[in-house]
């Protein structure tokens, strides 16, 4: 019985991998993996700041949550979203 449980868990974690996302202009994304419960963090170049969530989690259906656009803007500037 333990073997069936292990196989099922392996299929779930391998089937639903979250995709690699495009880096925001003036920034980058750092991943700790692409499987269920992995995390990504947005970092901006010096002189820029993150607008939006600074991190996301890979959820069981293969998407990064929250699903919100992230930008790196020059510090002291405003943008229209």
PDB file of N, CA and C in Angstrom:
ATOM      1  N   UNK A   1       0.810  -1.208   0.000  1.00  0.00           N
ATOM      2  CA  UNK A   1       0.000   0.000   0.000  1.00  0.00           C
ATOM      3  C   UNK A   1       0.854   1.273   0.000  1.00  0.00           C
ATOM      4  N   UNK A   2       1.972   1.255   0.649  1.00  0.00           N
ATOM      5  CA  UNK A   2       2.835   2.429   0.681  1.00  0.00           C
ATOM      6  C   UNK A   2       3.319   2.765  -0.728  1.00  0.00           C
ATOM      7  N   UNK A   3       3.593   1.756  -1.537  1.00  0.00           N
ATOM      8  CA  UNK A   3       4.071   1.974  -2.904  1.00  0.00           C
ATOM      9  C   UNK A   3       3.049   2.740  -3.724  1.00  0.00           C
ATOM     10  N   UNK A   4       1.767   2.402  -3.628  1.00  0.00           N
ATOM     11  CA  UNK A   4       0.717   3.099  -4.384  1.00  0.00           C
ATOM     12  C   UNK A   4       0.655   4.566  -3.987  1.00  0.00           C
ATOM     13  N   UNK A   5       0.753   4.856  -2.718  1.00  0.00           N
ATOM     14  CA  UNK A   5       0.716   6.239  -2.234  1.00  0.00           C
ATOM     15  C   UNK A   5       1.913   7.031  -2.761  1.00  0.00           C
ATOM     16  N   UNK A   6       3.086   6.431  -2.736  1.00  0.00           N
ATOM     17  CA  UNK A   6       4.292   7.099  -3.222  1.00  0.00           C
ATOM     18  C   UNK A   6       4.197   7.372  -4.714  1.00  0.00           C
ATOM     19  N   UNK A   7       3.710   6.416  -5.489  1.00  0.00           N
ATOM     20  CA  UNK A   7       3.559   6.583  -6.930  1.00  0.00           C
ATOM     21  C   UNK A   7       2.567   7.705  -7.241  1.00  0.00           C
ATOM     22  N   UNK A   8       1.457   7.735  -6.538  1.00  0.00           N
ATOM     23  CA  UNK A   8       0.445   8.772  -6.754  1.00  0.00           C
ATOM     24  C   UNK A   8       1.025  10.148  -6.458  1.00  0.00           C
ATOM     25  N   UNK A   9       1.732  10.291  -5.376  1.00  0.00           N
ATOM     26  CA  UNK A   9       2.339  11.574  -5.015  1.00  0.00           C
ATOM     27  C   UNK A   9       3.359  11.994  -6.062  1.00  0.00           C
ATOM     28  N   UNK A  10       4.151  11.065  -6.576  1.00  0.00           N
ATOM     29  CA  UNK A  10       5.145  11.382  -7.599  1.00  0.00           C
ATOM     30  C   UNK A  10       4.464  11.855  -8.879  1.00  0.00           C
ATOM     31  N   UNK A  11       3.363  11.242  -9.265  1.00  0.00           N
ATOM     32  CA  UNK A  11       2.644  11.657 -10.468  1.00  0.00           C
ATOM     33  C   UNK A  11       2.071  13.060 -10.318  1.00  0.00           C
ATOM     34  N   UNK A  12       1.544  13.376  -9.156  1.00  0.00           N
ATOM     35  CA  UNK A  12       0.974  14.709  -8.928  1.00  0.00           C
ATOM     36  C   UNK A  12       2.064  15.767  -8.997  1.00  0.00           C
ATOM     37  N   UNK A  13       3.184  15.548  -8.336  1.00  0.00           N
ATOM     38  CA  UNK A  13       4.219  16.586  -8.297  1.00  0.00           C
ATOM     39  C   UNK A  13       4.907  16.751  -9.644  1.00  0.00           C
ATOM     40  N   UNK A  14       5.024  15.691 -10.445  1.00  0.00           N
ATOM     41  CA  UNK A  14       5.687  15.809 -11.738  1.00  0.00           C
ATOM     42  C   UNK A  14       4.745  16.307 -12.827  1.00  0.00           C
ATOM     43  N   UNK A  15       3.472  16.026 -12.720  1.00  0.00           N
ATOM     44  CA  UNK A  15       2.526  16.399 -13.770  1.00  0.00           C
ATOM     45  C   UNK A  15       2.246  17.893 -13.785  1.00  0.00           C
ATOM     46  N   UNK A  16       2.146  18.495 -12.641  1.00  0.00           N
ATOM     47  CA  UNK A  16       1.747  19.891 -12.560  1.00  0.00           C
ATOM     48  C   UNK A  16       2.930  20.789 -12.224  1.00  0.00           C
ATOM     49  N   UNK A  17       3.817  20.954 -13.163  1.00  0.00           N
ATOM     50  CA  UNK A  17       4.935  21.861 -12.974  1.00  0.00           C
ATOM     51  C   UNK A  17       4.517  23.259 -13.412  1.00  0.00           C
ATOM     52  N   UNK A  18       4.907  24.254 -12.653  1.00  0.00           N
ATOM     53  CA  UNK A  18       4.618  25.633 -13.028  1.00  0.00           C
ATOM     54  C   UNK A  18       5.642  26.094 -14.066  1.00  0.00           C
ATOM     55  N   UNK A  19       5.190  26.907 -15.025  1.00  0.00           N
ATOM     56  CA  UNK A  19       6.088  27.311 -16.106  1.00  0.00           C
ATOM     57  C   UNK A  19       7.105  28.362 -15.671  1.00  0.00           C
ATOM     58  N   UNK A  20       8.153  28.482 -16.457  1.00  0.00           N
ATOM     59  CA  UNK A  20       9.111  29.571 -16.268  1.00  0.00           C
ATOM     60  C   UNK A  20       8.465  30.832 -16.821  1.00  0.00           C
ATOM     61  N   UNK A  21       8.500  31.914 -16.065  1.00  0.00           N
ATOM     62  CA  UNK A  21       7.895  33.177 -16.467  1.00  0.00           C
ATOM     63  C   UNK A  21       8.947  34.113 -17.046  1.00  0.00           C
ATOM     64  N   UNK A  22       8.495  35.073 -17.827  1.00  0.00           N
ATOM     65  CA  UNK A  22       9.404  36.087 -18.368  1.00  0.00           C
ATOM     66  C   UNK A  22       9.830  37.037 -17.262  1.00  0.00           C
ATOM     67  N   UNK A  23      11.114  37.377 -17.248  1.00  0.00           N
ATOM     68  CA  UNK A  23      11.589  38.376 -16.299  1.00  0.00           C
ATOM     69  C   UNK A  23      10.944  39.717 -16.597  1.00  0.00           C
ATOM     70  N   UNK A  24      10.614  40.483 -15.551  1.00  0.00           N
ATOM     71  CA  UNK A  24      10.110  41.829 -15.815  1.00  0.00           C
ATOM     72  C   UNK A  24      11.256  42.706 -16.334  1.00  0.00           C
ATOM     73  N   UNK A  25      10.947  43.693 -17.186  1.00  0.00           N
ATOM     74  CA  UNK A  25      12.008  44.621 -17.592  1.00  0.00           C
ATOM     75  C   UNK A  25      12.657  45.242 -16.343  1.00  0.00           C
ATOM     76  N   UNK A  26      13.960  45.320 -16.329  1.00  0.00           N
ATOM     77  CA  UNK A  26      14.748  45.888 -15.226  1.00  0.00           C
ATOM     78  C   UNK A  26      14.725  45.009 -13.980  1.00  0.00           C
ATOM     79  N   UNK A  27      14.481  43.701 -14.169  1.00  0.00           N
ATOM     80  CA  UNK A  27      14.448  42.811 -13.013  1.00  0.00           C
ATOM     81  C   UNK A  27      14.658  41.363 -13.412  1.00  0.00           C
ATOM     82  N   UNK A  28      14.512  40.485 -12.440  1.00  0.00           N
ATOM     83  CA  UNK A  28      14.683  39.053 -12.674  1.00  0.00           C
ATOM     84  C   UNK A  28      13.822  38.271 -11.685  1.00  0.00           C
ATOM     85  N   UNK A  29      13.669  36.989 -11.985  1.00  0.00           N
ATOM     86  CA  UNK A  29      12.918  36.077 -11.126  1.00  0.00           C
ATOM     87  C   UNK A  29      13.877  35.001 -10.626  1.00  0.00           C
ATOM     88  N   UNK A  30      13.832  34.733  -9.340  1.00  0.00           N
ATOM     89  CA  UNK A  30      14.641  33.686  -8.731  1.00  0.00           C
ATOM     90  C   UNK A  30      13.687  32.580  -8.269  1.00  0.00           C
ATOM     91  N   UNK A  31      13.929  31.362  -8.774  1.00  0.00           N
ATOM     92  CA  UNK A  31      13.081  30.212  -8.465  1.00  0.00           C
ATOM     93  C   UNK A  31      13.767  29.286  -7.483  1.00  0.00           C
ATOM     94  N   UNK A  32      12.971  28.645  -6.611  1.00  0.00           N
ATOM     95  CA  UNK A  32      13.529  27.545  -5.815  1.00  0.00           C
ATOM     96  C   UNK A  32      13.029  26.206  -6.351  1.00  0.00           C
ATOM     97  N   UNK A  33      12.368  26.226  -7.499  1.00  0.00           N
ATOM     98  CA  UNK A  33      11.863  25.035  -8.172  1.00  0.00           C
ATOM     99  C   UNK A  33      10.661  25.402  -9.018  1.00  0.00           C
ATOM    100  N   UNK A  34      10.041  24.391  -9.639  1.00  0.00           N
ATOM    101  CA  UNK A  34       8.865  24.617 -10.478  1.00  0.00           C
ATOM    102  C   UNK A  34       7.740  23.648 -10.140  1.00  0.00           C
ATOM    103  N   UNK A  35       7.891  22.864  -9.078  1.00  0.00           N
ATOM    104  CA  UNK A  35       6.877  21.891  -8.702  1.00  0.00           C
ATOM    105  C   UNK A  35       5.943  22.476  -7.638  1.00  0.00           C
ATOM    106  N   UNK A  36       4.927  21.716  -7.307  1.00  0.00           N
ATOM    107  CA  UNK A  36       3.916  22.106  -6.320  1.00  0.00           C
ATOM    108  C   UNK A  36       4.582  22.631  -5.046  1.00  0.00           C
ATOM    109  N   UNK A  37       4.172  23.778  -4.592  1.00  0.00           N
ATOM    110  CA  UNK A  37       4.657  24.496  -3.407  1.00  0.00           C
ATOM    111  C   UNK A  37       6.032  25.138  -3.581  1.00  0.00           C
ATOM    112  N   UNK A  38       6.571  25.138  -4.793  1.00  0.00           N
ATOM    113  CA  UNK A  38       7.811  25.881  -5.026  1.00  0.00           C
ATOM    114  C   UNK A  38       7.507  27.374  -4.952  1.00  0.00           C
ATOM    115  N   UNK A  39       8.544  28.163  -4.800  1.00  0.00           N
ATOM    116  CA  UNK A  39       8.376  29.601  -4.629  1.00  0.00           C
ATOM    117  C   UNK A  39       9.260  30.328  -5.635  1.00  0.00           C
ATOM    118  N   UNK A  40       8.771  31.479  -6.082  1.00  0.00           N
ATOM    119  CA  UNK A  40       9.601  32.379  -6.872  1.00  0.00           C
ATOM    120  C   UNK A  40       9.594  33.749  -6.212  1.00  0.00           C
ATOM    121  N   UNK A  41      10.679  34.486  -6.418  1.00  0.00           N
ATOM    122  CA  UNK A  41      10.823  35.820  -5.837  1.00  0.00           C
ATOM    123  C   UNK A  41      11.251  36.768  -6.945  1.00  0.00           C
ATOM    124  N   UNK A  42      10.622  37.935  -7.016  1.00  0.00           N
ATOM    125  CA  UNK A  42      10.999  38.972  -7.968  1.00  0.00           C
ATOM    126  C   UNK A  42      12.035  39.882  -7.338  1.00  0.00           C
ATOM    127  N   UNK A  43      13.070  40.192  -8.105  1.00  0.00           N
ATOM    128  CA  UNK A  43      14.082  41.168  -7.689  1.00  0.00           C
ATOM    129  C   UNK A  43      14.258  42.171  -8.814  1.00  0.00           C
ATOM    130  N   UNK A  44      14.450  43.427  -8.448  1.00  0.00           N
ATOM    131  CA  UNK A  44      14.652  44.481  -9.445  1.00  0.00           C
ATOM    132  C   UNK A  44      16.100  44.954  -9.425  1.00  0.00           C
ATOM    133  N   UNK A  45      16.522  45.504 -10.554  1.00  0.00           N
ATOM    134  CA  UNK A  45      17.863  46.069 -10.660  1.00  0.00           C
ATOM    135  C   UNK A  45      18.014  47.253  -9.699  1.00  0.00           C
ATOM    136  N   UNK A  46      19.249  47.613  -9.360  1.00  0.00           N
ATOM    137  CA  UNK A  46      19.469  48.780  -8.500  1.00  0.00           C
ATOM    138  C   UNK A  46      18.779  50.022  -9.083  1.00  0.00           C
ATOM    139  N   UNK A  47      18.121  50.784  -8.223  1.00  0.00           N
ATOM    140  CA  UNK A  47      17.408  51.981  -8.654  1.00  0.00           C
ATOM    141  C   UNK A  47      15.963  51.714  -9.041  1.00  0.00           C
ATOM    142  N   UNK A  48      15.549  50.447  -9.015  1.00  0.00           N
ATOM    143  CA  UNK A  48      14.177  50.052  -9.360  1.00  0.00           C
ATOM    144  C   UNK A  48      13.536  49.346  -8.172  1.00  0.00           C
ATOM    145  N   UNK A  49      12.211  49.337  -8.140  1.00  0.00           N
ATOM    146  CA  UNK A  49      11.477  48.687  -7.067  1.00  0.00           C
ATOM    147  C   UNK A  49      10.345  47.842  -7.637  1.00  0.00           C
ATOM    148  N   UNK A  50       9.986  46.775  -6.927  1.00  0.00           N
ATOM    149  CA  UNK A  50       8.928  45.865  -7.364  1.00  0.00           C
ATOM    150  C   UNK A  50       7.565  46.504  -7.108  1.00  0.00           C
ATOM    151  N   UNK A  51       6.710  46.447  -8.134  1.00  0.00           N
ATOM    152  CA  UNK A  51       5.305  46.830  -7.993  1.00  0.00           C
ATOM    153  C   UNK A  51       4.502  45.565  -8.246  1.00  0.00           C
ATOM    154  N   UNK A  52       3.770  45.131  -7.251  1.00  0.00           N
ATOM    155  CA  UNK A  52       3.030  43.870  -7.305  1.00  0.00           C
ATOM    156  C   UNK A  52       3.577  42.931  -6.249  1.00  0.00           C
ATOM    157  N   UNK A  53       3.099  41.680  -6.249  1.00  0.00           N
ATOM    158  CA  UNK A  53       3.588  40.734  -5.239  1.00  0.00           C
ATOM    159  C   UNK A  53       5.066  40.412  -5.456  1.00  0.00           C
ATOM    160  N   UNK A  54       5.819  40.380  -4.384  1.00  0.00           N
ATOM    161  CA  UNK A  54       7.254  40.103  -4.503  1.00  0.00           C
ATOM    162  C   UNK A  54       7.542  38.615  -4.609  1.00  0.00           C
ATOM    163  N   UNK A  55       6.564  37.777  -4.279  1.00  0.00           N
ATOM    164  CA  UNK A  55       6.764  36.345  -4.418  1.00  0.00           C
ATOM    165  C   UNK A  55       5.469  35.656  -4.802  1.00  0.00           C
ATOM    166  N   UNK A  56       5.611  34.457  -5.389  1.00  0.00           N
ATOM    167  CA  UNK A  56       4.478  33.629  -5.789  1.00  0.00           C
ATOM    168  C   UNK A  56       4.772  32.191  -5.400  1.00  0.00           C
ATOM    169  N   UNK A  57       3.691  31.411  -5.295  1.00  0.00           N
ATOM    170  CA  UNK A  57       3.785  29.996  -4.951  1.00  0.00           C
ATOM    171  C   UNK A  57       3.196  29.183  -6.095  1.00  0.00           C
ATOM    172  N   UNK A  58       3.827  28.065  -6.435  1.00  0.00           N
ATOM    173  CA  UNK A  58       3.307  27.142  -7.450  1.00  0.00           C
ATOM    174  C   UNK A  58       2.184  26.329  -6.813  1.00  0.00           C
ATOM    175  N   UNK A  59       0.984  26.429  -7.368  1.00  0.00           N
ATOM    176  CA  UNK A  59      -0.165  25.710  -6.816  1.00  0.00           C
ATOM    177  C   UNK A  59      -0.398  24.411  -7.578  1.00  0.00           C
ATOM    178  N   UNK A  60      -1.281  23.580  -7.065  1.00  0.00           N
ATOM    179  CA  UNK A  60      -1.451  22.209  -7.556  1.00  0.00           C
ATOM    180  C   UNK A  60      -1.915  22.108  -8.999  1.00  0.00           C
ATOM    181  N   UNK A  61      -2.517  23.155  -9.561  1.00  0.00           N
ATOM    182  CA  UNK A  61      -2.976  23.072 -10.955  1.00  0.00           C
ATOM    183  C   UNK A  61      -1.935  23.588 -11.948  1.00  0.00           C
ATOM    184  N   UNK A  62      -0.726  23.880 -11.480  1.00  0.00           N
ATOM    185  CA  UNK A  62       0.362  24.263 -12.376  1.00  0.00           C
ATOM    186  C   UNK A  62       0.441  25.737 -12.698  1.00  0.00           C
ATOM    187  N   UNK A  63      -0.082  26.591 -11.819  1.00  0.00           N
ATOM    188  CA  UNK A  63      -0.022  28.045 -12.000  1.00  0.00           C
ATOM    189  C   UNK A  63       0.684  28.681 -10.820  1.00  0.00           C
ATOM    190  N   UNK A  64       1.300  29.826 -11.087  1.00  0.00           N
ATOM    191  CA  UNK A  64       1.900  30.621 -10.013  1.00  0.00           C
ATOM    192  C   UNK A  64       0.822  31.531  -9.432  1.00  0.00           C
ATOM    193  N   UNK A  65       0.669  31.541  -8.126  1.00  0.00           N
ATOM    194  CA  UNK A  65      -0.328  32.381  -7.460  1.00  0.00           C
ATOM    195  C   UNK A  65       0.383  33.363  -6.541  1.00  0.00           C
ATOM    196  N   UNK A  66      -0.080  34.589  -6.391  1.00  0.00           N
ATOM    197  CA  UNK A  66      -1.246  35.155  -7.063  1.00  0.00           C
ATOM    198  C   UNK A  66      -0.937  35.473  -8.530  1.00  0.00           C
ATOM    199  N   UNK A  67      -2.006  35.495  -9.330  1.00  0.00           N
ATOM    200  CA  UNK A  67      -1.882  35.799 -10.758  1.00  0.00           C
ATOM    201  C   UNK A  67      -2.091  37.305 -10.930  1.00  0.00           C
ATOM    202  N   UNK A  68      -1.004  38.037 -10.813  1.00  0.00           N
ATOM    203  CA  UNK A  68      -1.017  39.495 -10.914  1.00  0.00           C
ATOM    204  C   UNK A  68       0.240  39.917 -11.655  1.00  0.00           C
ATOM    205  N   UNK A  69       0.123  40.923 -12.522  1.00  0.00           N
ATOM    206  CA  UNK A  69       1.310  41.424 -13.214  1.00  0.00           C
ATOM    207  C   UNK A  69       2.271  42.061 -12.220  1.00  0.00           C
ATOM    208  N   UNK A  70       3.549  41.879 -12.487  1.00  0.00           N
ATOM    209  CA  UNK A  70       4.602  42.440 -11.634  1.00  0.00           C
ATOM    210  C   UNK A  70       5.500  43.302 -12.505  1.00  0.00           C
ATOM    211  N   UNK A  71       5.865  44.471 -11.995  1.00  0.00           N
ATOM    212  CA  UNK A  71       6.698  45.430 -12.720  1.00  0.00           C
ATOM    213  C   UNK A  71       7.870  45.842 -11.851  1.00  0.00           C
ATOM    214  N   UNK A  72       8.946  46.255 -12.496  1.00  0.00           N
ATOM    215  CA  UNK A  72      10.050  46.927 -11.817  1.00  0.00           C
ATOM    216  C   UNK A  72      10.065  48.350 -12.355  1.00  0.00           C
ATOM    217  N   UNK A  73       9.816  49.307 -11.479  1.00  0.00           N
ATOM    218  CA  UNK A  73       9.806  50.704 -11.919  1.00  0.00           C
ATOM    219  C   UNK A  73      10.930  51.461 -11.221  1.00  0.00           C
ATOM    220  N   UNK A  74      11.371  52.518 -11.887  1.00  0.00           N
ATOM    221  CA  UNK A  74      12.414  53.356 -11.299  1.00  0.00           C
ATOM    222  C   UNK A  74      11.869  53.966 -10.020  1.00  0.00           C
ATOM    223  N   UNK A  75      12.653  53.924  -8.954  1.00  0.00           N
ATOM    224  CA  UNK A  75      12.215  54.470  -7.669  1.00  0.00           C
ATOM    225  C   UNK A  75      11.850  55.937  -7.837  1.00  0.00           C
ATOM    226  N   UNK A  76      10.723  56.321  -7.263  1.00  0.00           N
ATOM    227  CA  UNK A  76      10.265  57.706  -7.332  1.00  0.00           C
ATOM    228  C   UNK A  76       9.352  57.996  -8.522  1.00  0.00           C
ATOM    229  N   UNK A  77       9.084  56.990  -9.380  1.00  0.00           N
ATOM    230  CA  UNK A  77       8.187  57.185 -10.532  1.00  0.00           C
ATOM    231  C   UNK A  77       6.887  56.433 -10.284  1.00  0.00           C
ATOM    232  N   UNK A  78       5.828  56.876 -10.932  1.00  0.00           N
ATOM    233  CA  UNK A  78       4.535  56.231 -10.861  1.00  0.00           C
ATOM    234  C   UNK A  78       4.199  55.609 -12.202  1.00  0.00           C
ATOM    235  N   UNK A  79       3.369  54.558 -12.181  1.00  0.00           N
ATOM    236  CA  UNK A  79       2.895  53.969 -13.432  1.00  0.00           C
ATOM    237  C   UNK A  79       1.383  53.824 -13.374  1.00  0.00           C
ATOM    238  N   UNK A  80       0.748  53.775 -14.531  1.00  0.00           N
ATOM    239  CA  UNK A  80      -0.671  53.504 -14.603  1.00  0.00           C
ATOM    240  C   UNK A  80      -0.830  52.013 -14.871  1.00  0.00           C
ATOM    241  N   UNK A  81      -1.633  51.352 -14.050  1.00  0.00           N
ATOM    242  CA  UNK A  81      -1.845  49.908 -14.212  1.00  0.00           C
ATOM    243  C   UNK A  81      -3.252  49.667 -14.702  1.00  0.00           C
TER     244      UNK A  81
END
